[in-house]
PDB file of all heavy atoms in Angstrom:
ATOM      1  N   ASP A   1      19.754  70.566 112.008  1.00  0.00           N
ATOM      2  CA  ASP A   1      20.832  71.472 111.602  1.00  0.00           C
ATOM      3  C   ASP A   1      20.954  72.654 112.569  1.00  0.00           C
ATOM      4  O   ASP A   1      21.810  73.518 112.392  1.00  0.00           O
ATOM      5  CB  ASP A   1      20.591  71.994 110.187  1.00  0.00           C
ATOM      6  CG  ASP A   1      20.728  70.885 109.158  1.00  0.00           C
ATOM      7  OD1 ASP A   1      21.527  69.967 109.404  1.00  0.00           O
ATOM      8  OD2 ASP A   1      20.037  70.935 108.120  1.00  0.00           O
ATOM      9  N   GLU A   2      20.064  72.729 113.560  1.00  0.00           N
ATOM     10  CA  GLU A   2      20.023  73.880 114.461  1.00  0.00           C
ATOM     11  C   GLU A   2      20.913  73.654 115.682  1.00  0.00           C
ATOM     12  O   GLU A   2      20.815  72.624 116.352  1.00  0.00           O
ATOM     13  CB  GLU A   2      18.586  74.102 114.914  1.00  0.00           C
ATOM     14  CG  GLU A   2      18.403  75.373 115.712  1.00  0.00           C
ATOM     15  CD  GLU A   2      16.949  75.537 116.147  1.00  0.00           C
ATOM     16  OE1 GLU A   2      16.053  75.009 115.462  1.00  0.00           O
ATOM     17  OE2 GLU A   2      16.753  76.161 117.183  1.00  0.00           O
ATOM     18  N   LYS A   3      21.794  74.626 115.934  1.00  0.00           N
ATOM     19  CA  LYS A   3      22.660  74.531 117.087  1.00  0.00           C
ATOM     20  C   LYS A   3      21.840  74.790 118.345  1.00  0.00           C
ATOM     21  O   LYS A   3      21.034  75.710 118.395  1.00  0.00           O
ATOM     22  CB  LYS A   3      23.807  75.562 116.957  1.00  0.00           C
ATOM     23  CG  LYS A   3      24.866  75.444 118.009  1.00  0.00           C
ATOM     24  CD  LYS A   3      25.989  76.420 117.738  1.00  0.00           C
ATOM     25  CE  LYS A   3      26.998  76.409 118.857  1.00  0.00           C
ATOM     26  NZ  LYS A   3      28.044  77.415 118.664  1.00  0.00           N
ATOM     27  N   ILE A   4      22.035  73.953 119.363  1.00  0.00           N
ATOM     28  CA  ILE A   4      21.321  74.155 120.628  1.00  0.00           C
ATOM     29  C   ILE A   4      22.332  74.498 121.719  1.00  0.00           C
ATOM     30  O   ILE A   4      23.539  74.435 121.526  1.00  0.00           O
ATOM     31  CB  ILE A   4      20.467  72.919 121.013  1.00  0.00           C
ATOM     32  CG1 ILE A   4      21.325  71.655 121.087  1.00  0.00           C
ATOM     33  CG2 ILE A   4      19.330  72.736 120.033  1.00  0.00           C
ATOM     34  CD1 ILE A   4      20.567  70.425 121.497  1.00  0.00           C
ATOM     35  N   LEU A   5      21.827  74.858 122.873  1.00  0.00           N
ATOM     36  CA  LEU A   5      22.700  75.303 123.959  1.00  0.00           C
ATOM     37  C   LEU A   5      23.643  74.165 124.394  1.00  0.00           C
ATOM     38  O   LEU A   5      23.328  72.999 124.225  1.00  0.00           O
ATOM     39  CB  LEU A   5      21.838  75.728 125.149  1.00  0.00           C
ATOM     40  CG  LEU A   5      21.006  76.993 124.937  1.00  0.00           C
ATOM     41  CD1 LEU A   5      20.081  77.220 126.103  1.00  0.00           C
ATOM     42  CD2 LEU A   5      21.897  78.195 124.740  1.00  0.00           C
ATOM     43  N   PRO A   6      24.799  74.543 124.970  1.00  0.00           N
ATOM     44  CA  PRO A   6      25.704  73.507 125.477  1.00  0.00           C
ATOM     45  C   PRO A   6      24.975  72.553 126.404  1.00  0.00           C
ATOM     46  O   PRO A   6      24.089  72.965 127.168  1.00  0.00           O
ATOM     47  CB  PRO A   6      26.774  74.299 126.222  1.00  0.00           C
ATOM     48  CG  PRO A   6      26.722  75.658 125.630  1.00  0.00           C
ATOM     49  CD  PRO A   6      25.310  75.889 125.210  1.00  0.00           C
ATOM     50  N   ILE A   7      25.344  71.305 126.364  1.00  0.00           N
ATOM     51  CA  ILE A   7      24.638  70.272 127.137  1.00  0.00           C
ATOM     52  C   ILE A   7      25.174  70.219 128.556  1.00  0.00           C
ATOM     53  O   ILE A   7      26.378  70.102 128.791  1.00  0.00           O
ATOM     54  CB  ILE A   7      24.805  68.894 126.473  1.00  0.00           C
ATOM     55  CG1 ILE A   7      24.273  68.935 125.048  1.00  0.00           C
ATOM     56  CG2 ILE A   7      24.133  67.819 127.263  1.00  0.00           C
ATOM     57  CD1 ILE A   7      24.587  67.708 124.256  1.00  0.00           C
ATOM     58  N   ASP A   8      24.264  70.335 129.516  1.00  0.00           N
ATOM     59  CA  ASP A   8      24.630  70.127 130.922  1.00  0.00           C
ATOM     60  C   ASP A   8      24.259  68.684 131.233  1.00  0.00           C
ATOM     61  O   ASP A   8      23.089  68.337 131.394  1.00  0.00           O
ATOM     62  CB  ASP A   8      23.834  71.095 131.807  1.00  0.00           C
ATOM     63  CG  ASP A   8      24.045  70.794 133.286  1.00  0.00           C
ATOM     64  OD1 ASP A   8      25.092  70.190 133.608  1.00  0.00           O
ATOM     65  OD2 ASP A   8      23.170  71.144 134.097  1.00  0.00           O
ATOM     66  N   LEU A   9      25.253  67.812 131.286  1.00  0.00           N
ATOM     67  CA  LEU A   9      24.968  66.396 131.347  1.00  0.00           C
ATOM     68  C   LEU A   9      24.580  65.896 132.729  1.00  0.00           C
ATOM     69  O   LEU A   9      23.794  64.965 132.871  1.00  0.00           O
ATOM     70  CB  LEU A   9      26.181  65.603 130.852  1.00  0.00           C
ATOM     71  CG  LEU A   9      26.530  65.806 129.384  1.00  0.00           C
ATOM     72  CD1 LEU A   9      27.799  65.041 129.047  1.00  0.00           C
ATOM     73  CD2 LEU A   9      25.412  65.374 128.490  1.00  0.00           C
ATOM     74  N   GLY A  10      25.129  66.483 133.759  1.00  0.00           N
ATOM     75  CA  GLY A  10      24.857  65.971 135.088  1.00  0.00           C
ATOM     76  C   GLY A  10      25.748  64.781 135.419  1.00  0.00           C
ATOM     77  O   GLY A  10      26.397  64.204 134.543  1.00  0.00           O
ATOM     78  N   ARG A  11      25.773  64.375 136.687  1.00  0.00           N
ATOM     79  CA  ARG A  11      26.723  63.369 137.157  1.00  0.00           C
ATOM     80  C   ARG A  11      26.486  61.994 136.547  1.00  0.00           C
ATOM     81  O   ARG A  11      27.413  61.331 136.110  1.00  0.00           O
ATOM     82  CB  ARG A  11      26.620  63.285 138.689  1.00  0.00           C
ATOM     83  CG  ARG A  11      27.704  62.451 139.331  1.00  0.00           C
ATOM     84  CD  ARG A  11      27.582  62.508 140.840  1.00  0.00           C
ATOM     85  NE  ARG A  11      26.318  62.003 141.318  1.00  0.00           N
ATOM     86  CZ  ARG A  11      26.038  60.709 141.467  1.00  0.00           C
ATOM     87  NH1 ARG A  11      26.915  59.801 141.146  1.00  0.00           N
ATOM     88  NH2 ARG A  11      24.864  60.314 141.926  1.00  0.00           N
ATOM     89  N   ILE A  12      25.225  61.536 136.507  1.00  0.00           N
ATOM     90  CA  ILE A  12      24.922  60.189 136.005  1.00  0.00           C
ATOM     91  C   ILE A  12      25.254  60.088 134.523  1.00  0.00           C
ATOM     92  O   ILE A  12      25.889  59.140 134.072  1.00  0.00           O
ATOM     93  CB  ILE A  12      23.424  59.822 136.231  1.00  0.00           C
ATOM     94  CG1 ILE A  12      23.067  59.924 137.717  1.00  0.00           C
ATOM     95  CG2 ILE A  12      23.111  58.444 135.677  1.00  0.00           C
ATOM     96  CD1 ILE A  12      23.757  58.914 138.586  1.00  0.00           C
ATOM     97  N   ALA A  13      24.829  61.090 133.752  1.00  0.00           N
ATOM     98  CA  ALA A  13      25.092  61.073 132.305  1.00  0.00           C
ATOM     99  C   ALA A  13      26.594  61.182 132.029  1.00  0.00           C
ATOM    100  O   ALA A  13      27.095  60.552 131.102  1.00  0.00           O
ATOM    101  CB  ALA A  13      24.335  62.208 131.623  1.00  0.00           C
ATOM    102  N   ALA A  14      27.299  61.960 132.839  1.00  0.00           N
ATOM    103  CA  ALA A  14      28.742  62.078 132.661  1.00  0.00           C
ATOM    104  C   ALA A  14      29.429  60.741 132.932  1.00  0.00           C
ATOM    105  O   ALA A  14      30.382  60.360 132.238  1.00  0.00           O
ATOM    106  CB  ALA A  14      29.304  63.160 133.584  1.00  0.00           C
ATOM    107  N   GLN A  15      28.926  59.994 133.906  1.00  0.00           N
ATOM    108  CA  GLN A  15      29.473  58.669 134.209  1.00  0.00           C
ATOM    109  C   GLN A  15      29.239  57.723 133.030  1.00  0.00           C
ATOM    110  O   GLN A  15      30.114  56.933 132.664  1.00  0.00           O
ATOM    111  CB  GLN A  15      28.800  58.110 135.482  1.00  0.00           C
ATOM    112  CG  GLN A  15      29.452  56.866 136.042  1.00  0.00           C
ATOM    113  CD  GLN A  15      30.879  57.094 136.517  1.00  0.00           C
ATOM    114  OE1 GLN A  15      31.226  58.186 136.953  1.00  0.00           O
ATOM    115  NE2 GLN A  15      31.711  56.096 136.414  1.00  0.00           N
ATOM    116  N   THR A  16      28.050  57.813 132.416  1.00  0.00           N
ATOM    117  CA  THR A  16      27.736  57.005 131.232  1.00  0.00           C
ATOM    118  C   THR A  16      28.727  57.329 130.108  1.00  0.00           C
ATOM    119  O   THR A  16      29.252  56.441 129.452  1.00  0.00           O
ATOM    120  CB  THR A  16      26.294  57.292 130.743  1.00  0.00           C
ATOM    121  OG1 THR A  16      25.399  56.990 131.786  1.00  0.00           O
ATOM    122  CG2 THR A  16      25.951  56.464 129.525  1.00  0.00           C
ATOM    123  N   ALA A  17      28.963  58.628 129.902  1.00  0.00           N
ATOM    124  CA  ALA A  17      29.910  59.072 128.857  1.00  0.00           C
ATOM    125  C   ALA A  17      31.286  58.490 129.117  1.00  0.00           C
ATOM    126  O   ALA A  17      31.959  57.998 128.208  1.00  0.00           O
ATOM    127  CB  ALA A  17      29.967  60.590 128.808  1.00  0.00           C
ATOM    128  N   LYS A  18      31.711  58.526 130.366  1.00  0.00           N
ATOM    129  CA  LYS A  18      33.033  57.994 130.745  1.00  0.00           C
ATOM    130  C   LYS A  18      33.144  56.503 130.400  1.00  0.00           C
ATOM    131  O   LYS A  18      34.138  56.044 129.851  1.00  0.00           O
ATOM    132  CB  LYS A  18      33.287  58.247 132.218  1.00  0.00           C
ATOM    133  CG  LYS A  18      34.639  57.781 132.700  1.00  0.00           C
ATOM    134  CD  LYS A  18      34.804  58.042 134.189  1.00  0.00           C
ATOM    135  CE  LYS A  18      36.095  57.455 134.702  1.00  0.00           C
ATOM    136  NZ  LYS A  18      36.220  57.586 136.146  1.00  0.00           N
ATOM    137  N   GLN A  19      32.086  55.745 130.745  1.00  0.00           N
ATOM    138  CA  GLN A  19      32.099  54.306 130.479  1.00  0.00           C
ATOM    139  C   GLN A  19      32.173  54.012 128.990  1.00  0.00           C
ATOM    140  O   GLN A  19      32.902  53.100 128.548  1.00  0.00           O
ATOM    141  CB  GLN A  19      30.877  53.628 131.102  1.00  0.00           C
ATOM    142  CG  GLN A  19      30.927  53.575 132.612  1.00  0.00           C
ATOM    143  CD  GLN A  19      29.591  53.185 133.230  1.00  0.00           C
ATOM    144  OE1 GLN A  19      28.574  53.073 132.549  1.00  0.00           O
ATOM    145  NE2 GLN A  19      29.582  52.993 134.549  1.00  0.00           N
ATOM    146  N   VAL A  20      31.405  54.756 128.198  1.00  0.00           N
ATOM    147  CA  VAL A  20      31.416  54.574 126.745  1.00  0.00           C
ATOM    148  C   VAL A  20      32.805  54.880 126.172  1.00  0.00           C
ATOM    149  O   VAL A  20      33.323  54.149 125.343  1.00  0.00           O
ATOM    150  CB  VAL A  20      30.328  55.444 126.056  1.00  0.00           C
ATOM    151  CG1 VAL A  20      30.473  55.417 124.551  1.00  0.00           C
ATOM    152  CG2 VAL A  20      28.941  54.989 126.453  1.00  0.00           C
ATOM    153  N   ILE A  21      33.403  55.973 126.649  1.00  0.00           N
ATOM    154  CA  ILE A  21      34.733  56.361 126.178  1.00  0.00           C
ATOM    155  C   ILE A  21      35.747  55.275 126.495  1.00  0.00           C
ATOM    156  O   ILE A  21      36.541  54.868 125.645  1.00  0.00           O
ATOM    157  CB  ILE A  21      35.172  57.710 126.805  1.00  0.00           C
ATOM    158  CG1 ILE A  21      34.342  58.855 126.230  1.00  0.00           C
ATOM    159  CG2 ILE A  21      36.659  57.968 126.563  1.00  0.00           C
ATOM    160  CD1 ILE A  21      34.460  60.145 127.002  1.00  0.00           C
ATOM    161  N   ILE A  22      35.741  54.776 127.745  1.00  0.00           N
ATOM    162  CA  ILE A  22      36.702  53.735 128.156  1.00  0.00           C
ATOM    163  C   ILE A  22      36.531  52.499 127.289  1.00  0.00           C
ATOM    164  O   ILE A  22      37.515  51.923 126.815  1.00  0.00           O
ATOM    165  CB  ILE A  22      36.531  53.401 129.659  1.00  0.00           C
ATOM    166  CG1 ILE A  22      37.020  54.572 130.504  1.00  0.00           C
ATOM    167  CG2 ILE A  22      37.280  52.120 130.016  1.00  0.00           C
ATOM    168  CD1 ILE A  22      36.669  54.486 131.972  1.00  0.00           C
ATOM    169  N   GLN A  23      35.277  52.103 127.041  1.00  0.00           N
ATOM    170  CA  GLN A  23      35.013  50.898 126.217  1.00  0.00           C
ATOM    171  C   GLN A  23      35.524  51.092 124.790  1.00  0.00           C
ATOM    172  O   GLN A  23      36.181  50.226 124.221  1.00  0.00           O
ATOM    173  CB  GLN A  23      33.511  50.596 126.218  1.00  0.00           C
ATOM    174  CG  GLN A  23      33.121  49.390 125.377  1.00  0.00           C
ATOM    175  CD  GLN A  23      33.773  48.098 125.870  1.00  0.00           C
ATOM    176  OE1 GLN A  23      34.031  47.932 127.047  1.00  0.00           O
ATOM    177  NE2 GLN A  23      34.028  47.175 124.943  1.00  0.00           N
ATOM    178  N   ARG A  24      35.244  52.268 124.197  1.00  0.00           N
ATOM    179  CA  ARG A  24      35.684  52.529 122.828  1.00  0.00           C
ATOM    180  C   ARG A  24      37.203  52.579 122.719  1.00  0.00           C
ATOM    181  O   ARG A  24      37.783  52.108 121.746  1.00  0.00           O
ATOM    182  CB  ARG A  24      35.073  53.845 122.312  1.00  0.00           C
ATOM    183  CG  ARG A  24      33.585  53.826 122.079  1.00  0.00           C
ATOM    184  CD  ARG A  24      33.170  52.967 120.883  1.00  0.00           C
ATOM    185  NE  ARG A  24      33.687  53.440 119.629  1.00  0.00           N
ATOM    186  CZ  ARG A  24      33.064  54.320 118.845  1.00  0.00           C
ATOM    187  NH1 ARG A  24      31.870  54.759 119.168  1.00  0.00           N
ATOM    188  NH2 ARG A  24      33.624  54.720 117.718  1.00  0.00           N
ATOM    189  N   ILE A  25      37.868  53.151 123.748  1.00  0.00           N
ATOM    190  CA  ILE A  25      39.334  53.223 123.735  1.00  0.00           C
ATOM    191  C   ILE A  25      39.914  51.819 123.838  1.00  0.00           C
ATOM    192  O   ILE A  25      40.882  51.495 123.147  1.00  0.00           O
ATOM    193  CB  ILE A  25      39.853  54.162 124.853  1.00  0.00           C
ATOM    194  CG1 ILE A  25      39.560  55.624 124.472  1.00  0.00           C
ATOM    195  CG2 ILE A  25      41.358  53.957 125.080  1.00  0.00           C
ATOM    196  CD1 ILE A  25      39.862  56.622 125.547  1.00  0.00           C
ATOM    197  N   ARG A  26      39.308  50.976 124.660  1.00  0.00           N
ATOM    198  CA  ARG A  26      39.786  49.575 124.775  1.00  0.00           C
ATOM    199  C   ARG A  26      39.664  48.862 123.433  1.00  0.00           C
ATOM    200  O   ARG A  26      40.564  48.130 123.021  1.00  0.00           O
ATOM    201  CB  ARG A  26      38.957  48.823 125.829  1.00  0.00           C
ATOM    202  CG  ARG A  26      39.427  49.075 127.239  1.00  0.00           C
ATOM    203  CD  ARG A  26      38.868  48.024 128.202  1.00  0.00           C
ATOM    204  NE  ARG A  26      39.127  48.434 129.555  1.00  0.00           N
ATOM    205  CZ  ARG A  26      38.206  48.563 130.497  1.00  0.00           C
ATOM    206  NH1 ARG A  26      36.947  48.302 130.247  1.00  0.00           N
ATOM    207  NH2 ARG A  26      38.541  48.933 131.714  1.00  0.00           N
ATOM    208  N   GLU A  27      38.519  49.069 122.754  1.00  0.00           N
ATOM    209  CA  GLU A  27      38.318  48.425 121.459  1.00  0.00           C
ATOM    210  C   GLU A  27      39.344  48.933 120.439  1.00  0.00           C
ATOM    211  O   GLU A  27      39.917  48.153 119.684  1.00  0.00           O
ATOM    212  CB  GLU A  27      36.894  48.711 120.946  1.00  0.00           C
ATOM    213  CG  GLU A  27      35.817  47.975 121.713  1.00  0.00           C
ATOM    214  CD  GLU A  27      34.407  48.482 121.388  1.00  0.00           C
ATOM    215  OE1 GLU A  27      34.276  49.341 120.480  1.00  0.00           O
ATOM    216  OE2 GLU A  27      33.461  48.030 122.037  1.00  0.00           O
ATOM    217  N   ALA A  28      39.571  50.251 120.435  1.00  0.00           N
ATOM    218  CA  ALA A  28      40.528  50.836 119.482  1.00  0.00           C
ATOM    219  C   ALA A  28      41.947  50.343 119.791  1.00  0.00           C
ATOM    220  O   ALA A  28      42.733  50.049 118.883  1.00  0.00           O
ATOM    221  CB  ALA A  28      40.472  52.357 119.538  1.00  0.00           C
ATOM    222  N   GLU A  29      42.264  50.239 121.075  1.00  0.00           N
ATOM    223  CA  GLU A  29      43.595  49.747 121.476  1.00  0.00           C
ATOM    224  C   GLU A  29      43.778  48.292 121.042  1.00  0.00           C
ATOM    225  O   GLU A  29      44.842  47.909 120.546  1.00  0.00           O
ATOM    226  CB  GLU A  29      43.704  49.845 123.006  1.00  0.00           C
ATOM    227  CG  GLU A  29      45.109  49.731 123.531  1.00  0.00           C
ATOM    228  CD  GLU A  29      45.180  49.971 125.026  1.00  0.00           C
ATOM    229  OE1 GLU A  29      44.144  50.145 125.675  1.00  0.00           O
ATOM    230  OE2 GLU A  29      46.299  49.958 125.537  1.00  0.00           O
ATOM    231  N   ALA A  30      42.708  47.481 121.182  1.00  0.00           N
ATOM    232  CA  ALA A  30      42.776  46.080 120.744  1.00  0.00           C
ATOM    233  C   ALA A  30      42.984  46.007 119.234  1.00  0.00           C
ATOM    234  O   ALA A  30      43.750  45.163 118.743  1.00  0.00           O
ATOM    235  CB  ALA A  30      41.504  45.352 121.140  1.00  0.00           C
ATOM    236  N   ASP A  31      42.336  46.902 118.479  1.00  0.00           N
ATOM    237  CA  ASP A  31      42.534  46.935 117.018  1.00  0.00           C
ATOM    238  C   ASP A  31      43.970  47.244 116.652  1.00  0.00           C
ATOM    239  O   ASP A  31      44.539  46.634 115.732  1.00  0.00           O
ATOM    240  CB  ASP A  31      41.595  47.986 116.376  1.00  0.00           C
ATOM    241  CG  ASP A  31      40.141  47.544 116.389  1.00  0.00           C
ATOM    242  OD1 ASP A  31      39.875  46.345 116.583  1.00  0.00           O
ATOM    243  OD2 ASP A  31      39.250  48.419 116.219  1.00  0.00           O
ATOM    244  N   VAL A  32      44.591  48.186 117.378  1.00  0.00           N
ATOM    245  CA  VAL A  32      45.984  48.567 117.107  1.00  0.00           C
ATOM    246  C   VAL A  32      46.890  47.368 117.379  1.00  0.00           C
ATOM    247  O   VAL A  32      47.764  47.043 116.556  1.00  0.00           O
ATOM    248  CB  VAL A  32      46.398  49.780 117.981  1.00  0.00           C
ATOM    249  CG1 VAL A  32      47.919  49.977 117.962  1.00  0.00           C
ATOM    250  CG2 VAL A  32      45.708  51.054 117.518  1.00  0.00           C
ATOM    251  N   VAL A  33      46.679  46.692 118.506  1.00  0.00           N
ATOM    252  CA  VAL A  33      47.512  45.527 118.852  1.00  0.00           C
ATOM    253  C   VAL A  33      47.303  44.405 117.831  1.00  0.00           C
ATOM    254  O   VAL A  33      48.260  43.780 117.363  1.00  0.00           O
ATOM    255  CB  VAL A  33      47.183  45.018 120.283  1.00  0.00           C
ATOM    256  CG1 VAL A  33      47.849  43.682 120.568  1.00  0.00           C
ATOM    257  CG2 VAL A  33      47.612  46.054 121.314  1.00  0.00           C
ATOM    258  N   PHE A  34      46.035  44.163 117.450  1.00  0.00           N
ATOM    259  CA  PHE A  34      45.734  43.122 116.473  1.00  0.00           C
ATOM    260  C   PHE A  34      46.449  43.385 115.146  1.00  0.00           C
ATOM    261  O   PHE A  34      47.082  42.498 114.586  1.00  0.00           O
ATOM    262  CB  PHE A  34      44.228  42.995 116.260  1.00  0.00           C
ATOM    263  CG  PHE A  34      43.836  41.922 115.270  1.00  0.00           C
ATOM    264  CD1 PHE A  34      43.779  40.588 115.671  1.00  0.00           C
ATOM    265  CD2 PHE A  34      43.577  42.242 113.947  1.00  0.00           C
ATOM    266  CE1 PHE A  34      43.444  39.594 114.754  1.00  0.00           C
ATOM    267  CE2 PHE A  34      43.250  41.266 113.035  1.00  0.00           C
ATOM    268  CZ  PHE A  34      43.173  39.935 113.443  1.00  0.00           C
ATOM    269  N   ASP A  35      46.323  44.613 114.661  1.00  0.00           N
ATOM    270  CA  ASP A  35      46.945  44.971 113.375  1.00  0.00           C
ATOM    271  C   ASP A  35      48.468  44.795 113.431  1.00  0.00           C
ATOM    272  O   ASP A  35      49.072  44.319 112.476  1.00  0.00           O
ATOM    273  CB  ASP A  35      46.609  46.416 112.978  1.00  0.00           C
ATOM    274  CG  ASP A  35      45.141  46.583 112.609  1.00  0.00           C
ATOM    275  OD1 ASP A  35      44.479  45.558 112.345  1.00  0.00           O
ATOM    276  OD2 ASP A  35      44.658  47.722 112.596  1.00  0.00           O
ATOM    277  N   GLU A  36      49.051  45.204 114.560  1.00  0.00           N
ATOM    278  CA  GLU A  36      50.513  45.092 114.688  1.00  0.00           C
ATOM    279  C   GLU A  36      50.965  43.640 114.707  1.00  0.00           C
ATOM    280  O   GLU A  36      51.884  43.258 113.996  1.00  0.00           O
ATOM    281  CB  GLU A  36      50.973  45.791 115.968  1.00  0.00           C
ATOM    282  CG  GLU A  36      52.479  45.743 116.133  1.00  0.00           C
ATOM    283  CD  GLU A  36      52.968  46.518 117.338  1.00  0.00           C
ATOM    284  OE1 GLU A  36      52.306  47.491 117.742  1.00  0.00           O
ATOM    285  OE2 GLU A  36      54.034  46.172 117.873  1.00  0.00           O
ATOM    286  N   PHE A  37      50.294  42.801 115.497  1.00  0.00           N
ATOM    287  CA  PHE A  37      50.754  41.433 115.661  1.00  0.00           C
ATOM    288  C   PHE A  37      50.252  40.496 114.549  1.00  0.00           C
ATOM    289  O   PHE A  37      50.831  39.438 114.339  1.00  0.00           O
ATOM    290  CB  PHE A  37      50.396  40.884 117.049  1.00  0.00           C
ATOM    291  CG  PHE A  37      51.360  41.344 118.092  1.00  0.00           C
ATOM    292  CD1 PHE A  37      51.139  42.517 118.784  1.00  0.00           C
ATOM    293  CD2 PHE A  37      52.521  40.628 118.328  1.00  0.00           C
ATOM    294  CE1 PHE A  37      52.048  42.977 119.725  1.00  0.00           C
ATOM    295  CE2 PHE A  37      53.434  41.063 119.267  1.00  0.00           C
ATOM    296  CZ  PHE A  37      53.208  42.240 119.963  1.00  0.00           C
ATOM    297  N   GLU A  38      49.228  40.904 113.813  1.00  0.00           N
ATOM    298  CA  GLU A  38      48.813  40.130 112.647  1.00  0.00           C
ATOM    299  C   GLU A  38      49.952  40.046 111.641  1.00  0.00           C
ATOM    300  O   GLU A  38      50.119  39.041 110.936  1.00  0.00           O
ATOM    301  CB  GLU A  38      47.574  40.805 112.030  1.00  0.00           C
ATOM    302  CG  GLU A  38      47.034  40.119 110.790  1.00  0.00           C
ATOM    303  CD  GLU A  38      46.490  38.711 111.036  1.00  0.00           C
ATOM    304  OE1 GLU A  38      46.248  38.326 112.189  1.00  0.00           O
ATOM    305  OE2 GLU A  38      46.317  37.983 110.037  1.00  0.00           O
ATOM    306  N   ARG A  39      50.788  41.098 111.588  1.00  0.00           N
ATOM    307  CA  ARG A  39      51.953  41.107 110.685  1.00  0.00           C
ATOM    308  C   ARG A  39      53.000  40.097 111.120  1.00  0.00           C
ATOM    309  O   ARG A  39      53.831  39.678 110.336  1.00  0.00           O
ATOM    310  CB  ARG A  39      52.589  42.509 110.639  1.00  0.00           C
ATOM    311  CG  ARG A  39      51.704  43.535 109.962  1.00  0.00           C
ATOM    312  CD  ARG A  39      52.401  44.889 109.874  1.00  0.00           C
ATOM    313  NE  ARG A  39      52.612  45.475 111.201  1.00  0.00           N
ATOM    314  CZ  ARG A  39      53.795  45.846 111.671  1.00  0.00           C
ATOM    315  NH1 ARG A  39      54.887  45.675 110.970  1.00  0.00           N
ATOM    316  NH2 ARG A  39      53.895  46.379 112.870  1.00  0.00           N
ATOM    317  N   TYR A  40      52.985  39.731 112.409  1.00  0.00           N
ATOM    318  CA  TYR A  40      53.979  38.793 112.935  1.00  0.00           C
ATOM    319  C   TYR A  40      53.511  37.349 112.919  1.00  0.00           C
ATOM    320  O   TYR A  40      54.238  36.460 113.367  1.00  0.00           O
ATOM    321  CB  TYR A  40      54.372  39.177 114.378  1.00  0.00           C
ATOM    322  CG  TYR A  40      55.179  40.436 114.450  1.00  0.00           C
ATOM    323  CD1 TYR A  40      54.621  41.616 114.907  1.00  0.00           C
ATOM    324  CD2 TYR A  40      56.518  40.448 114.069  1.00  0.00           C
ATOM    325  CE1 TYR A  40      55.377  42.787 114.980  1.00  0.00           C
ATOM    326  CE2 TYR A  40      57.281  41.609 114.139  1.00  0.00           C
ATOM    327  CZ  TYR A  40      56.690  42.769 114.605  1.00  0.00           C
ATOM    328  OH  TYR A  40      57.427  43.919 114.659  1.00  0.00           O
ATOM    329  N   ARG A  41      52.299  37.110 112.398  1.00  0.00           N
ATOM    330  CA  ARG A  41      51.802  35.719 112.304  1.00  0.00           C
ATOM    331  C   ARG A  41      52.795  34.894 111.470  1.00  0.00           C
ATOM    332  O   ARG A  41      53.248  35.346 110.430  1.00  0.00           O
ATOM    333  CB  ARG A  41      50.423  35.712 111.653  1.00  0.00           C
ATOM    334  CG  ARG A  41      49.763  34.353 111.654  1.00  0.00           C
ATOM    335  CD  ARG A  41      48.534  34.360 110.776  1.00  0.00           C
ATOM    336  NE  ARG A  41      47.488  35.238 111.236  1.00  0.00           N
ATOM    337  CZ  ARG A  41      46.404  34.839 111.900  1.00  0.00           C
ATOM    338  NH1 ARG A  41      46.243  33.566 112.168  1.00  0.00           N
ATOM    339  NH2 ARG A  41      45.498  35.705 112.282  1.00  0.00           N
ATOM    340  N   HIS A  42      53.147  33.723 111.958  1.00  0.00           N
ATOM    341  CA  HIS A  42      54.108  32.812 111.321  1.00  0.00           C
ATOM    342  C   HIS A  42      55.527  33.396 111.293  1.00  0.00           C
ATOM    343  O   HIS A  42      56.319  33.058 110.415  1.00  0.00           O
ATOM    344  CB  HIS A  42      53.666  32.419 109.914  1.00  0.00           C
ATOM    345  CG  HIS A  42      52.275  31.874 109.859  1.00  0.00           C
ATOM    346  ND1 HIS A  42      51.844  30.853 110.686  1.00  0.00           N
ATOM    347  CD2 HIS A  42      51.191  32.214 109.124  1.00  0.00           C
ATOM    348  CE1 HIS A  42      50.560  30.597 110.452  1.00  0.00           C
ATOM    349  NE2 HIS A  42      50.143  31.408 109.493  1.00  0.00           N
ATOM    350  N   MET A  43      55.811  34.255 112.262  1.00  0.00           N
ATOM    351  CA  MET A  43      57.159  34.801 112.395  1.00  0.00           C
ATOM    352  C   MET A  43      57.635  34.639 113.831  1.00  0.00           C
ATOM    353  O   MET A  43      56.858  34.211 114.694  1.00  0.00           O
ATOM    354  CB  MET A  43      57.179  36.292 111.988  1.00  0.00           C
ATOM    355  CG  MET A  43      56.831  36.495 110.513  1.00  0.00           C
ATOM    356  SD  MET A  43      56.944  38.208 110.013  1.00  0.00           S
ATOM    357  CE  MET A  43      58.703  38.413 109.885  1.00  0.00           C
TER     358      MET A  43
END
């Protein structure tokens, strides 16, 4: 529950964060497309 100092991630850790974000956005985007086109099944 204790707040700690802002995190200085450094270049390698920042690159890891970027990869995780891109992967999660791709997954979320696929969910949006799936939900939209699932409604069009058999149409």
